Amino acid sequence: MSLKASIMTRLEKFVAADVNGYRKKFLDLVIKCKEFTVDQIHDLISKEYTVTRNEVASMIGYIQSKVGILKSHKESYKTPIVYTVKDEYIDIIKMMVGKSPQSVGI
């Protein structure tokens, strides 16, 4: 299995477990924002969903470590971590966001 196919499978499982709808919203925001911090995404998602900052941070950490589509960097120890989507996975995320819930197993 190629790396892209493996990432696609992991991302499908992530979206399939989306009971509240905010995982798909997160992926949509990631595409629109390009660069983001936990606080920025939390502020945007919490306008539509009841979600804690820790839930958002956990989701971002999971996506970075298990799904593997995010990269991060930190300017200094005083600044927050800035996340970006790896360029090679933008099309996969766009495809996931565009899929109906039934087509990803929800």
Protein backbone atom coordinates (compact mmCIF):
# COMPACT_ATOMS: atom_id res chain seq x y z
CA MET A 1 0.00 0.00 0.00
CA SER A 2 1.40 3.41 -0.94
CA LEU A 3 1.85 6.15 1.64
CA LYS A 4 -0.93 8.27 0.10
CA ALA A 5 -3.32 5.31 0.16
CA SER A 6 -2.43 4.67 3.79
CA ILE A 7 -3.02 8.34 4.66
CA MET A 8 -6.34 8.23 2.81
CA THR A 9 -7.43 5.17 4.83
CA ARG A 10 -6.47 6.81 8.11
CA LEU A 11 -8.26 10.02 7.16
CA GLU A 12 -11.39 8.09 6.18
CA LYS A 13 -11.41 6.38 9.59
CA PHE A 14 -10.95 9.76 11.28
CA VAL A 15 -13.91 11.27 9.41
CA ALA A 16 -16.03 8.11 9.86
CA ALA A 17 -15.77 8.51 13.64
CA ASP A 18 -17.15 12.06 13.39
CA VAL A 19 -20.28 11.87 15.54
CA ASN A 20 -20.69 15.62 16.07
CA GLY A 21 -19.56 16.93 12.69
CA TYR A 22 -16.67 18.99 13.94
CA ARG A 23 -13.95 16.72 12.54
CA LYS A 24 -15.11 17.45 9.02
CA LYS A 25 -15.43 21.13 9.92
CA PHE A 26 -11.86 21.02 11.23
CA LEU A 27 -10.60 19.61 7.93
CA ASP A 28 -12.50 22.31 6.05
CA LEU A 29 -10.92 25.02 8.25
CA VAL A 30 -7.45 23.53 7.81
CA ILE A 31 -7.75 23.90 4.04
CA LYS A 32 -9.01 27.47 4.33
CA CYS A 33 -6.53 28.67 6.99
CA LYS A 34 -3.30 27.18 5.59
CA GLU A 35 -1.46 28.00 8.87
CA PHE A 36 -3.15 27.79 12.24
CA THR A 37 -2.73 27.37 15.96
CA VAL A 38 -4.86 25.38 18.39
CA ASP A 39 -6.45 28.59 19.69
CA GLN A 40 -7.33 29.84 16.20
CA ILE A 41 -9.02 26.58 15.24
CA HIS A 42 -10.80 26.39 18.60
CA ASP A 43 -12.18 29.92 18.15
CA LEU A 44 -13.49 29.05 14.68
CA ILE A 45 -14.98 25.65 15.54
CA SER A 46 -16.55 26.84 18.80
CA LYS A 47 -18.71 29.30 16.83
CA GLU A 48 -20.70 26.32 15.53
CA TYR A 49 -19.99 23.47 17.96
CA THR A 50 -19.60 23.05 21.69
CA VAL A 51 -16.02 21.89 21.89
CA THR A 52 -13.27 22.53 24.43
CA ARG A 53 -9.79 23.77 23.63
CA ASN A 54 -8.40 20.45 24.91
CA GLU A 55 -10.61 18.51 22.49
CA VAL A 56 -9.33 20.62 19.60
CA ALA A 57 -5.71 20.25 20.75
CA SER A 58 -6.19 16.50 21.07
CA MET A 59 -7.71 16.27 17.59
CA ILE A 60 -4.83 18.25 16.08
CA GLY A 61 -2.28 16.09 17.91
CA TYR A 62 -3.99 12.92 16.69
CA ILE A 63 -4.05 14.14 13.10
CA GLN A 64 -0.40 15.14 13.23
CA SER A 65 0.87 11.95 14.84
CA LYS A 66 -1.47 9.21 13.60
CA VAL A 67 -2.85 10.49 10.30
CA GLY A 68 0.34 12.29 9.32
CA ILE A 69 -0.97 15.19 7.24
CA LEU A 70 0.22 18.08 9.43
CA LYS A 71 3.60 19.59 10.09
CA SER A 72 4.38 21.99 12.91
CA HIS A 73 6.93 24.54 13.88
CA LYS A 74 7.53 26.92 16.75
CA GLU A 75 9.47 30.19 16.46
CA SER A 76 10.51 30.27 20.11
CA TYR A 77 9.51 28.74 23.40
CA LYS A 78 7.19 31.73 24.04
CA THR A 79 5.15 31.38 20.85
CA PRO A 80 2.41 28.85 20.13
CA ILE A 81 2.97 25.95 17.76
CA VAL A 82 1.92 26.79 14.20
CA TYR A 83 0.52 23.90 12.15
CA THR A 84 0.30 23.60 8.38
CA VAL A 85 -0.97 20.89 6.06
CA LYS A 86 1.67 19.02 4.13
CA ASP A 87 1.25 20.11 0.50
CA GLU A 88 1.00 16.59 -0.87
CA TYR A 89 -2.17 15.91 1.17
CA ILE A 90 -4.24 19.00 0.39
CA ASP A 91 -6.10 17.25 -2.45
CA ILE A 92 -6.92 14.26 -0.23
CA ILE A 93 -8.36 16.56 2.45
CA LYS A 94 -10.41 18.48 -0.11
CA MET A 95 -11.81 15.18 -1.34
CA MET A 96 -12.66 14.10 2.24
CA VAL A 97 -14.43 17.37 3.00
CA GLY A 98 -16.41 17.11 -0.22
CA LYS A 99 -17.64 13.57 0.46
CA SER A 100 -21.08 12.96 1.86
CA PRO A 101 -21.29 11.29 5.30
CA GLN A 102 -22.66 8.07 3.77
CA SER A 103 -19.72 7.69 1.40
CA VAL A 104 -17.19 7.70 4.25
CA GLY A 105 -19.06 5.26 6.43
CA ILE A 106 -20.94 7.54 8.83
